[in-house]
Amino acid sequence: MTAGIETIIYPVKDLAGAKARFTGLLGLDPSMDEPSYVGYRVAGQDIGLDPHGHSKGMTGPVGHWHVDDIEGDVTTLLDAGAQTLQEIQDVGGGKRTAMVKDADGNVIGLIQPS
């Protein structure tokens, strides 16, 4: 089951510059501020800045579906012809993420909240 797209992650080359732009745009400080990820919580939506996104295959912002069974959903997507861009990984606090590229070249992100 999915809760829908609740997270958008932007790949960024200059994390400090992107953080300044998004802080100004959103009018609030990040809720998470680490060298590997800066995140904001705005109106029930998570906005993330990933300085390693390009190396993971992200070519632009990626919507991440919040799911209950990340293993099952990744398997379903792979069985339908998707390719793995990022294996399932724990990103802290029990939250797990993965990314695939579908047969049309679209990047699909998945998050299983803790």
C-alpha atoms as a PDB file:
ATOM      1  CA  MET A   1       0.000   0.000   0.000  1.00  0.00           C
ATOM      2  CA  THR A   2       1.178   3.511  -0.742  1.00  0.00           C
ATOM      3  CA  ALA A   3       0.523   6.788   1.004  1.00  0.00           C
ATOM      4  CA  GLY A   4       1.372   8.624  -2.231  1.00  0.00           C
ATOM      5  CA  ILE A   5       4.295  10.855  -3.108  1.00  0.00           C
ATOM      6  CA  GLU A   6       5.206  12.676   0.092  1.00  0.00           C
ATOM      7  CA  THR A   7       8.890  13.353  -0.585  1.00  0.00           C
ATOM      8  CA  ILE A   8      10.633  15.165  -3.446  1.00  0.00           C
ATOM      9  CA  ILE A   9      14.422  14.959  -3.510  1.00  0.00           C
ATOM     10  CA  TYR A  10      16.550  17.278  -5.612  1.00  0.00           C
ATOM     11  CA  PRO A  11      20.059  16.263  -6.690  1.00  0.00           C
ATOM     12  CA  VAL A  12      22.379  19.213  -6.041  1.00  0.00           C
ATOM     13  CA  LYS A  13      26.016  19.916  -6.870  1.00  0.00           C
ATOM     14  CA  ASP A  14      26.468  22.761  -4.377  1.00  0.00           C
ATOM     15  CA  LEU A  15      24.714  21.783  -1.131  1.00  0.00           C
ATOM     16  CA  ALA A  16      25.443  25.076   0.644  1.00  0.00           C
ATOM     17  CA  GLY A  17      24.135  27.119  -2.285  1.00  0.00           C
ATOM     18  CA  ALA A  18      21.037  24.944  -2.668  1.00  0.00           C
ATOM     19  CA  LYS A  19      20.396  25.139   1.080  1.00  0.00           C
ATOM     20  CA  ALA A  20      20.540  28.959   0.926  1.00  0.00           C
ATOM     21  CA  ARG A  21      18.129  29.038  -2.040  1.00  0.00           C
ATOM     22  CA  PHE A  22      15.598  26.638  -0.517  1.00  0.00           C
ATOM     23  CA  THR A  23      15.776  28.244   2.938  1.00  0.00           C
ATOM     24  CA  GLY A  24      14.997  31.588   1.295  1.00  0.00           C
ATOM     25  CA  LEU A  25      12.268  30.170  -0.930  1.00  0.00           C
ATOM     26  CA  LEU A  26      10.550  28.225   1.848  1.00  0.00           C
ATOM     27  CA  GLY A  27      11.099  30.827   4.556  1.00  0.00           C
ATOM     28  CA  LEU A  28      12.218  28.272   7.133  1.00  0.00           C
ATOM     29  CA  ASP A  29      15.311  26.485   8.351  1.00  0.00           C
ATOM     30  CA  PRO A  30      15.921  22.839   7.452  1.00  0.00           C
ATOM     31  CA  SER A  31      14.498  20.164   9.735  1.00  0.00           C
ATOM     32  CA  MET A  32      17.522  17.995   8.889  1.00  0.00           C
ATOM     33  CA  ASP A  33      20.920  19.473   8.081  1.00  0.00           C
ATOM     34  CA  GLU A  34      23.711  16.974   7.463  1.00  0.00           C
ATOM     35  CA  PRO A  35      26.644  16.961   5.010  1.00  0.00           C
ATOM     36  CA  SER A  36      24.943  14.145   3.092  1.00  0.00           C
ATOM     37  CA  TYR A  37      21.365  15.508   3.073  1.00  0.00           C
ATOM     38  CA  VAL A  38      19.402  18.658   3.868  1.00  0.00           C
ATOM     39  CA  GLY A  39      15.672  18.278   4.385  1.00  0.00           C
ATOM     40  CA  TYR A  40      12.671  20.526   4.933  1.00  0.00           C
ATOM     41  CA  ARG A  41       9.152  19.697   6.113  1.00  0.00           C
ATOM     42  CA  VAL A  42       6.586  21.960   4.463  1.00  0.00           C
ATOM     43  CA  ALA A  43       2.799  21.550   4.594  1.00  0.00           C
ATOM     44  CA  GLY A  44       3.041  17.790   5.121  1.00  0.00           C
ATOM     45  CA  GLN A  45       5.632  17.341   2.366  1.00  0.00           C
ATOM     46  CA  ASP A  46       9.325  16.516   2.691  1.00  0.00           C
ATOM     47  CA  ILE A  47      11.717  18.395   0.395  1.00  0.00           C
ATOM     48  CA  GLY A  48      15.256  17.029   0.285  1.00  0.00           C
ATOM     49  CA  LEU A  49      18.572  18.150  -1.161  1.00  0.00           C
ATOM     50  CA  ASP A  50      20.988  15.315  -1.989  1.00  0.00           C
ATOM     51  CA  PRO A  51      24.578  16.218  -2.911  1.00  0.00           C
ATOM     52  CA  HIS A  52      25.110  12.626  -4.096  1.00  0.00           C
ATOM     53  CA  GLY A  53      21.936  12.460  -6.179  1.00  0.00           C
ATOM     54  CA  HIS A  54      23.600  12.821  -9.564  1.00  0.00           C
ATOM     55  CA  SER A  55      25.948   9.912  -8.843  1.00  0.00           C
ATOM     56  CA  LYS A  56      22.879   7.796  -7.953  1.00  0.00           C
ATOM     57  CA  GLY A  57      21.362   8.386 -11.391  1.00  0.00           C
ATOM     58  CA  MET A  58      19.070  11.284 -10.521  1.00  0.00           C
ATOM     59  CA  THR A  59      18.748  13.644 -13.493  1.00  0.00           C
ATOM     60  CA  GLY A  60      16.310  15.993 -11.773  1.00  0.00           C
ATOM     61  CA  PRO A  61      13.901  16.051  -8.836  1.00  0.00           C
ATOM     62  CA  VAL A  62      12.566  12.600  -7.926  1.00  0.00           C
ATOM     63  CA  GLY A  63       9.213  11.939  -6.318  1.00  0.00           C
ATOM     64  CA  HIS A  64       9.419   9.277  -3.639  1.00  0.00           C
ATOM     65  CA  TRP A  65       6.377   7.115  -2.960  1.00  0.00           C
ATOM     66  CA  HIS A  66       5.833   6.292   0.710  1.00  0.00           C
ATOM     67  CA  VAL A  67       5.161   2.554   0.896  1.00  0.00           C
ATOM     68  CA  ASP A  68       4.532  -0.131   3.508  1.00  0.00           C
ATOM     69  CA  ASP A  69       6.543  -2.939   1.828  1.00  0.00           C
ATOM     70  CA  ILE A  70       9.610  -1.579   0.060  1.00  0.00           C
ATOM     71  CA  GLU A  71      10.979  -5.045  -0.781  1.00  0.00           C
ATOM     72  CA  GLY A  72       7.721  -6.111  -2.410  1.00  0.00           C
ATOM     73  CA  ASP A  73       7.307  -2.853  -4.305  1.00  0.00           C
ATOM     74  CA  VAL A  74      10.890  -2.875  -5.601  1.00  0.00           C
ATOM     75  CA  THR A  75      10.417  -6.483  -6.741  1.00  0.00           C
ATOM     76  CA  THR A  76       7.166  -5.543  -8.513  1.00  0.00           C
ATOM     77  CA  LEU A  77       8.888  -2.693 -10.350  1.00  0.00           C
ATOM     78  CA  LEU A  78      11.904  -4.835 -11.307  1.00  0.00           C
ATOM     79  CA  ASP A  79       9.587  -7.609 -12.553  1.00  0.00           C
ATOM     80  CA  ALA A  80       7.895  -4.984 -14.738  1.00  0.00           C
ATOM     81  CA  GLY A  81      11.200  -4.076 -16.411  1.00  0.00           C
ATOM     82  CA  ALA A  82      12.673  -1.416 -14.118  1.00  0.00           C
ATOM     83  CA  GLN A  83      16.390  -1.283 -13.339  1.00  0.00           C
ATOM     84  CA  THR A  84      17.906  -0.673  -9.911  1.00  0.00           C
ATOM     85  CA  LEU A  85      19.525   2.733  -9.425  1.00  0.00           C
ATOM     86  CA  GLN A  86      19.842   2.551  -5.637  1.00  0.00           C
ATOM     87  CA  GLU A  87      19.487  -0.668  -3.673  1.00  0.00           C
ATOM     88  CA  ILE A  88      17.244  -0.606  -0.601  1.00  0.00           C
ATOM     89  CA  GLN A  89      19.169   1.099   2.178  1.00  0.00           C
ATOM     90  CA  ASP A  90      18.536   2.293   5.705  1.00  0.00           C
ATOM     91  CA  VAL A  91      19.025   6.054   5.799  1.00  0.00           C
ATOM     92  CA  GLY A  92      18.670   6.339   9.560  1.00  0.00           C
ATOM     93  CA  GLY A  93      16.063   5.761  12.208  1.00  0.00           C
ATOM     94  CA  GLY A  94      14.705   2.714  10.379  1.00  0.00           C
ATOM     95  CA  LYS A  95      13.642   4.712   7.300  1.00  0.00           C
ATOM     96  CA  ARG A  96      14.552   2.837   4.120  1.00  0.00           C
ATOM     97  CA  THR A  97      14.829   4.128   0.569  1.00  0.00           C
ATOM     98  CA  ALA A  98      15.391   2.775  -2.934  1.00  0.00           C
ATOM     99  CA  MET A  99      15.333   4.096  -6.508  1.00  0.00           C
ATOM    100  CA  VAL A 100      14.654   2.410  -9.824  1.00  0.00           C
ATOM    101  CA  LYS A 101      14.459   3.549 -13.429  1.00  0.00           C
ATOM    102  CA  ASP A 102      11.435   2.251 -15.305  1.00  0.00           C
ATOM    103  CA  ALA A 103      11.370   1.074 -18.919  1.00  0.00           C
ATOM    104  CA  ASP A 104      10.545   4.633 -20.051  1.00  0.00           C
ATOM    105  CA  GLY A 105      13.591   6.086 -18.256  1.00  0.00           C
ATOM    106  CA  ASN A 106      11.623   7.612 -15.380  1.00  0.00           C
ATOM    107  CA  VAL A 107      13.303   7.563 -11.975  1.00  0.00           C
ATOM    108  CA  ILE A 108      10.976   6.279  -9.246  1.00  0.00           C
ATOM    109  CA  GLY A 109      11.862   6.679  -5.599  1.00  0.00           C
ATOM    110  CA  LEU A 110      10.435   4.624  -2.737  1.00  0.00           C
ATOM    111  CA  ILE A 111      10.529   5.330   0.991  1.00  0.00           C
ATOM    112  CA  GLN A 112       9.381   3.011   3.739  1.00  0.00           C
ATOM    113  CA  PRO A 113       9.055   5.204   6.829  1.00  0.00           C
ATOM    114  CA  SER A 114      10.228   3.835  10.159  1.00  0.00           C
END
